């Protein structure tokens, strides 16, 4: 008895319907999980630094190191917060209302250290603030 019947003309078929179903489910999942938020960009024209001779008006020089340390006119200032730095600036500017503040910050200094210096200048009522820059070669 021979129970194995072979069909000579029977070829294997690839059923594409389950493959299409799976791809559509993946496509729907990706479309549903994608966020379509627009990121707005500001059009900013960055200024070029021009080397100019500093004015002859009196000034205080505040240096900011890359570690966020402050030096006022060459002397280290222990400024743990804005108020302490503002008090140091206020004492140095006592009796000189037309005094300007020059900030000489290291290129690797944290932005927060420079903002802290600006806030301290505002608290000390120093209206003129200048930044020292290096001219590009």
C-alpha atoms as a PDB file:
ATOM      1  CA  UNK A   1       0.000   0.000   0.000  1.00  0.00           C
ATOM      2  CA  UNK A   2       1.294   3.268  -1.043  1.00  0.00           C
ATOM      3  CA  UNK A   3      -0.289   6.103   1.001  1.00  0.00           C
ATOM      4  CA  UNK A   4       1.964   8.855  -0.285  1.00  0.00           C
ATOM      5  CA  UNK A   5       0.412  10.519  -3.216  1.00  0.00           C
ATOM      6  CA  UNK A   6       2.533  13.138  -4.834  1.00  0.00           C
ATOM      7  CA  UNK A   7       1.193  15.740  -7.057  1.00  0.00           C
ATOM      8  CA  UNK A   8       3.705  16.605  -9.710  1.00  0.00           C
ATOM      9  CA  UNK A   9       2.147  19.895 -10.684  1.00  0.00           C
ATOM     10  CA  UNK A  10       1.666  21.276  -7.108  1.00  0.00           C
ATOM     11  CA  UNK A  11       4.117  24.208  -6.588  1.00  0.00           C
ATOM     12  CA  UNK A  12       4.666  26.011  -3.275  1.00  0.00           C
ATOM     13  CA  UNK A  13       2.853  29.328  -2.922  1.00  0.00           C
ATOM     14  CA  UNK A  14       3.820  32.426  -0.989  1.00  0.00           C
ATOM     15  CA  UNK A  15       0.826  33.993   0.656  1.00  0.00           C
ATOM     16  CA  UNK A  16       1.331  37.794   0.658  1.00  0.00           C
ATOM     17  CA  UNK A  17      -1.852  38.754   2.498  1.00  0.00           C
ATOM     18  CA  UNK A  18      -0.489  38.146   6.049  1.00  0.00           C
ATOM     19  CA  UNK A  19       2.699  40.037   5.122  1.00  0.00           C
ATOM     20  CA  UNK A  20       0.666  43.019   3.906  1.00  0.00           C
ATOM     21  CA  UNK A  21      -1.463  42.898   7.083  1.00  0.00           C
ATOM     22  CA  UNK A  22       1.611  43.000   9.304  1.00  0.00           C
ATOM     23  CA  UNK A  23       3.153  45.881   7.329  1.00  0.00           C
ATOM     24  CA  UNK A  24      -0.074  47.889   7.555  1.00  0.00           C
ATOM     25  CA  UNK A  25      -0.234  47.358  11.328  1.00  0.00           C
ATOM     26  CA  UNK A  26       3.381  48.541  11.656  1.00  0.00           C
ATOM     27  CA  UNK A  27       2.637  51.574   9.487  1.00  0.00           C
ATOM     28  CA  UNK A  28      -0.422  52.468  11.582  1.00  0.00           C
ATOM     29  CA  UNK A  29       1.619  52.074  14.786  1.00  0.00           C
ATOM     30  CA  UNK A  30       4.379  54.352  13.481  1.00  0.00           C
ATOM     31  CA  UNK A  31       1.889  56.972  12.318  1.00  0.00           C
ATOM     32  CA  UNK A  32       0.092  56.944  15.671  1.00  0.00           C
ATOM     33  CA  UNK A  33       3.253  57.128  17.783  1.00  0.00           C
ATOM     34  CA  UNK A  34       5.029  59.845  15.784  1.00  0.00           C
ATOM     35  CA  UNK A  35       4.713  63.354  17.128  1.00  0.00           C
ATOM     36  CA  UNK A  36       4.103  66.010  14.548  1.00  0.00           C
ATOM     37  CA  UNK A  37       5.302  69.055  16.444  1.00  0.00           C
ATOM     38  CA  UNK A  38       6.899  71.931  14.665  1.00  0.00           C
ATOM     39  CA  UNK A  39      10.158  73.181  16.031  1.00  0.00           C
ATOM     40  CA  UNK A  40      10.370  76.890  15.545  1.00  0.00           C
ATOM     41  CA  UNK A  41      13.758  78.357  14.959  1.00  0.00           C
ATOM     42  CA  UNK A  42      14.728  81.915  15.628  1.00  0.00           C
ATOM     43  CA  UNK A  43      16.397  83.786  12.849  1.00  0.00           C
ATOM     44  CA  UNK A  44      19.375  85.230  14.660  1.00  0.00           C
ATOM     45  CA  UNK A  45      22.060  87.349  13.086  1.00  0.00           C
ATOM     46  CA  UNK A  46      25.128  86.866  15.240  1.00  0.00           C
ATOM     47  CA  UNK A  47      27.258  89.975  15.803  1.00  0.00           C
ATOM     48  CA  UNK A  48      30.879  90.174  14.764  1.00  0.00           C
ATOM     49  CA  UNK A  49      33.350  91.329  17.406  1.00  0.00           C
ATOM     50  CA  UNK A  50      35.244  94.421  16.344  1.00  0.00           C
ATOM     51  CA  UNK A  51      38.356  95.422  18.241  1.00  0.00           C
ATOM     52  CA  UNK A  52      37.970  98.976  19.457  1.00  0.00           C
ATOM     53  CA  UNK A  53      39.998 100.962  21.881  1.00  0.00           C
ATOM     54  CA  UNK A  54      38.346 100.919  25.279  1.00  0.00           C
ATOM     55  CA  UNK A  55      36.911 104.208  26.439  1.00  0.00           C
ATOM     56  CA  UNK A  56      38.736 106.232  29.060  1.00  0.00           C
ATOM     57  CA  UNK A  57      35.887 106.195  31.569  1.00  0.00           C
ATOM     58  CA  UNK A  58      36.577 104.582  34.945  1.00  0.00           C
ATOM     59  CA  UNK A  59      35.655 100.941  35.233  1.00  0.00           C
ATOM     60  CA  UNK A  60      35.682  97.889  37.442  1.00  0.00           C
ATOM     61  CA  UNK A  61      37.054  94.727  35.895  1.00  0.00           C
ATOM     62  CA  UNK A  62      35.321  91.458  36.747  1.00  0.00           C
ATOM     63  CA  UNK A  63      37.105  88.352  35.501  1.00  0.00           C
ATOM     64  CA  UNK A  64      35.273  85.036  35.301  1.00  0.00           C
ATOM     65  CA  UNK A  65      37.299  81.829  35.042  1.00  0.00           C
ATOM     66  CA  UNK A  66      36.201  78.682  33.252  1.00  0.00           C
ATOM     67  CA  UNK A  67      35.453  77.171  36.684  1.00  0.00           C
ATOM     68  CA  UNK A  68      33.005  79.974  37.534  1.00  0.00           C
ATOM     69  CA  UNK A  69      35.328  81.803  39.938  1.00  0.00           C
ATOM     70  CA  UNK A  70      35.239  85.609  40.104  1.00  0.00           C
ATOM     71  CA  UNK A  71      38.036  88.162  40.483  1.00  0.00           C
ATOM     72  CA  UNK A  72      37.192  91.845  40.940  1.00  0.00           C
ATOM     73  CA  UNK A  73      40.038  94.171  39.928  1.00  0.00           C
ATOM     74  CA  UNK A  74      42.506  91.323  40.317  1.00  0.00           C
ATOM     75  CA  UNK A  75      41.317  90.172  43.751  1.00  0.00           C
ATOM     76  CA  UNK A  76      39.462  86.890  44.263  1.00  0.00           C
ATOM     77  CA  UNK A  77      35.815  87.342  45.300  1.00  0.00           C
ATOM     78  CA  UNK A  78      34.121  84.599  47.297  1.00  0.00           C
ATOM     79  CA  UNK A  79      30.700  84.911  45.669  1.00  0.00           C
ATOM     80  CA  UNK A  80      28.444  82.041  46.608  1.00  0.00           C
ATOM     81  CA  UNK A  81      25.315  83.784  45.301  1.00  0.00           C
ATOM     82  CA  UNK A  82      24.169  86.889  43.428  1.00  0.00           C
ATOM     83  CA  UNK A  83      23.775  88.971  46.581  1.00  0.00           C
ATOM     84  CA  UNK A  84      27.375  88.362  47.743  1.00  0.00           C
ATOM     85  CA  UNK A  85      28.770  89.304  44.340  1.00  0.00           C
ATOM     86  CA  UNK A  86      26.480  92.347  44.205  1.00  0.00           C
ATOM     87  CA  UNK A  87      27.714  93.463  47.622  1.00  0.00           C
ATOM     88  CA  UNK A  88      31.323  93.199  46.458  1.00  0.00           C
ATOM     89  CA  UNK A  89      30.476  95.245  43.372  1.00  0.00           C
ATOM     90  CA  UNK A  90      28.556  97.786  45.451  1.00  0.00           C
ATOM     91  CA  UNK A  91      31.511  98.258  47.826  1.00  0.00           C
ATOM     92  CA  UNK A  92      33.971  98.648  44.955  1.00  0.00           C
ATOM     93  CA  UNK A  93      31.724 101.160  43.177  1.00  0.00           C
ATOM     94  CA  UNK A  94      30.906 103.216  46.278  1.00  0.00           C
ATOM     95  CA  UNK A  95      30.936 106.947  45.561  1.00  0.00           C
ATOM     96  CA  UNK A  96      31.469 106.581  41.800  1.00  0.00           C
ATOM     97  CA  UNK A  97      28.071 106.659  40.023  1.00  0.00           C
ATOM     98  CA  UNK A  98      29.478 106.808  36.472  1.00  0.00           C
ATOM     99  CA  UNK A  99      31.507 103.647  36.934  1.00  0.00           C
ATOM    100  CA  UNK A 100      31.275 100.942  34.259  1.00  0.00           C
ATOM    101  CA  UNK A 101      31.734  97.212  34.728  1.00  0.00           C
ATOM    102  CA  UNK A 102      33.942  95.288  32.314  1.00  0.00           C
ATOM    103  CA  UNK A 103      33.299  91.563  32.261  1.00  0.00           C
ATOM    104  CA  UNK A 104      36.216  89.476  31.048  1.00  0.00           C
ATOM    105  CA  UNK A 105      34.838  85.934  30.896  1.00  0.00           C
ATOM    106  CA  UNK A 106      36.787  82.890  29.807  1.00  0.00           C
ATOM    107  CA  UNK A 107      35.516  81.375  26.567  1.00  0.00           C
ATOM    108  CA  UNK A 108      34.811  78.106  28.399  1.00  0.00           C
ATOM    109  CA  UNK A 109      33.020  79.781  31.328  1.00  0.00           C
ATOM    110  CA  UNK A 110      29.502  78.623  31.987  1.00  0.00           C
ATOM    111  CA  UNK A 111      26.700  80.855  30.767  1.00  0.00           C
ATOM    112  CA  UNK A 112      25.228  80.790  34.278  1.00  0.00           C
ATOM    113  CA  UNK A 113      28.365  82.436  35.702  1.00  0.00           C
ATOM    114  CA  UNK A 114      28.080  85.331  33.248  1.00  0.00           C
ATOM    115  CA  UNK A 115      24.353  85.728  33.927  1.00  0.00           C
ATOM    116  CA  UNK A 116      25.097  85.750  37.663  1.00  0.00           C
ATOM    117  CA  UNK A 117      27.572  88.604  37.072  1.00  0.00           C
ATOM    118  CA  UNK A 118      24.961  90.546  35.089  1.00  0.00           C
ATOM    119  CA  UNK A 119      22.374  90.034  37.821  1.00  0.00           C
ATOM    120  CA  UNK A 120      24.879  91.165  40.470  1.00  0.00           C
ATOM    121  CA  UNK A 121      25.597  94.313  38.423  1.00  0.00           C
ATOM    122  CA  UNK A 122      21.873  95.030  38.296  1.00  0.00           C
ATOM    123  CA  UNK A 123      21.552  94.544  42.060  1.00  0.00           C
ATOM    124  CA  UNK A 124      24.559  96.834  42.620  1.00  0.00           C
ATOM    125  CA  UNK A 125      22.917  99.507  40.394  1.00  0.00           C
ATOM    126  CA  UNK A 126      25.718  99.497  37.835  1.00  0.00           C
ATOM    127  CA  UNK A 127      24.144 100.625  34.583  1.00  0.00           C
ATOM    128  CA  UNK A 128      27.078 100.329  32.185  1.00  0.00           C
ATOM    129  CA  UNK A 129      28.303  96.818  31.472  1.00  0.00           C
ATOM    130  CA  UNK A 130      30.912  96.012  28.827  1.00  0.00           C
ATOM    131  CA  UNK A 131      32.196  92.644  27.640  1.00  0.00           C
ATOM    132  CA  UNK A 132      35.781  92.206  26.590  1.00  0.00           C
ATOM    133  CA  UNK A 133      36.203  90.310  23.359  1.00  0.00           C
ATOM    134  CA  UNK A 134      39.088  89.080  21.326  1.00  0.00           C
ATOM    135  CA  UNK A 135      39.270  90.134  17.711  1.00  0.00           C
ATOM    136  CA  UNK A 136      39.306  87.310  15.213  1.00  0.00           C
ATOM    137  CA  UNK A 137      42.506  87.020  13.189  1.00  0.00           C
END
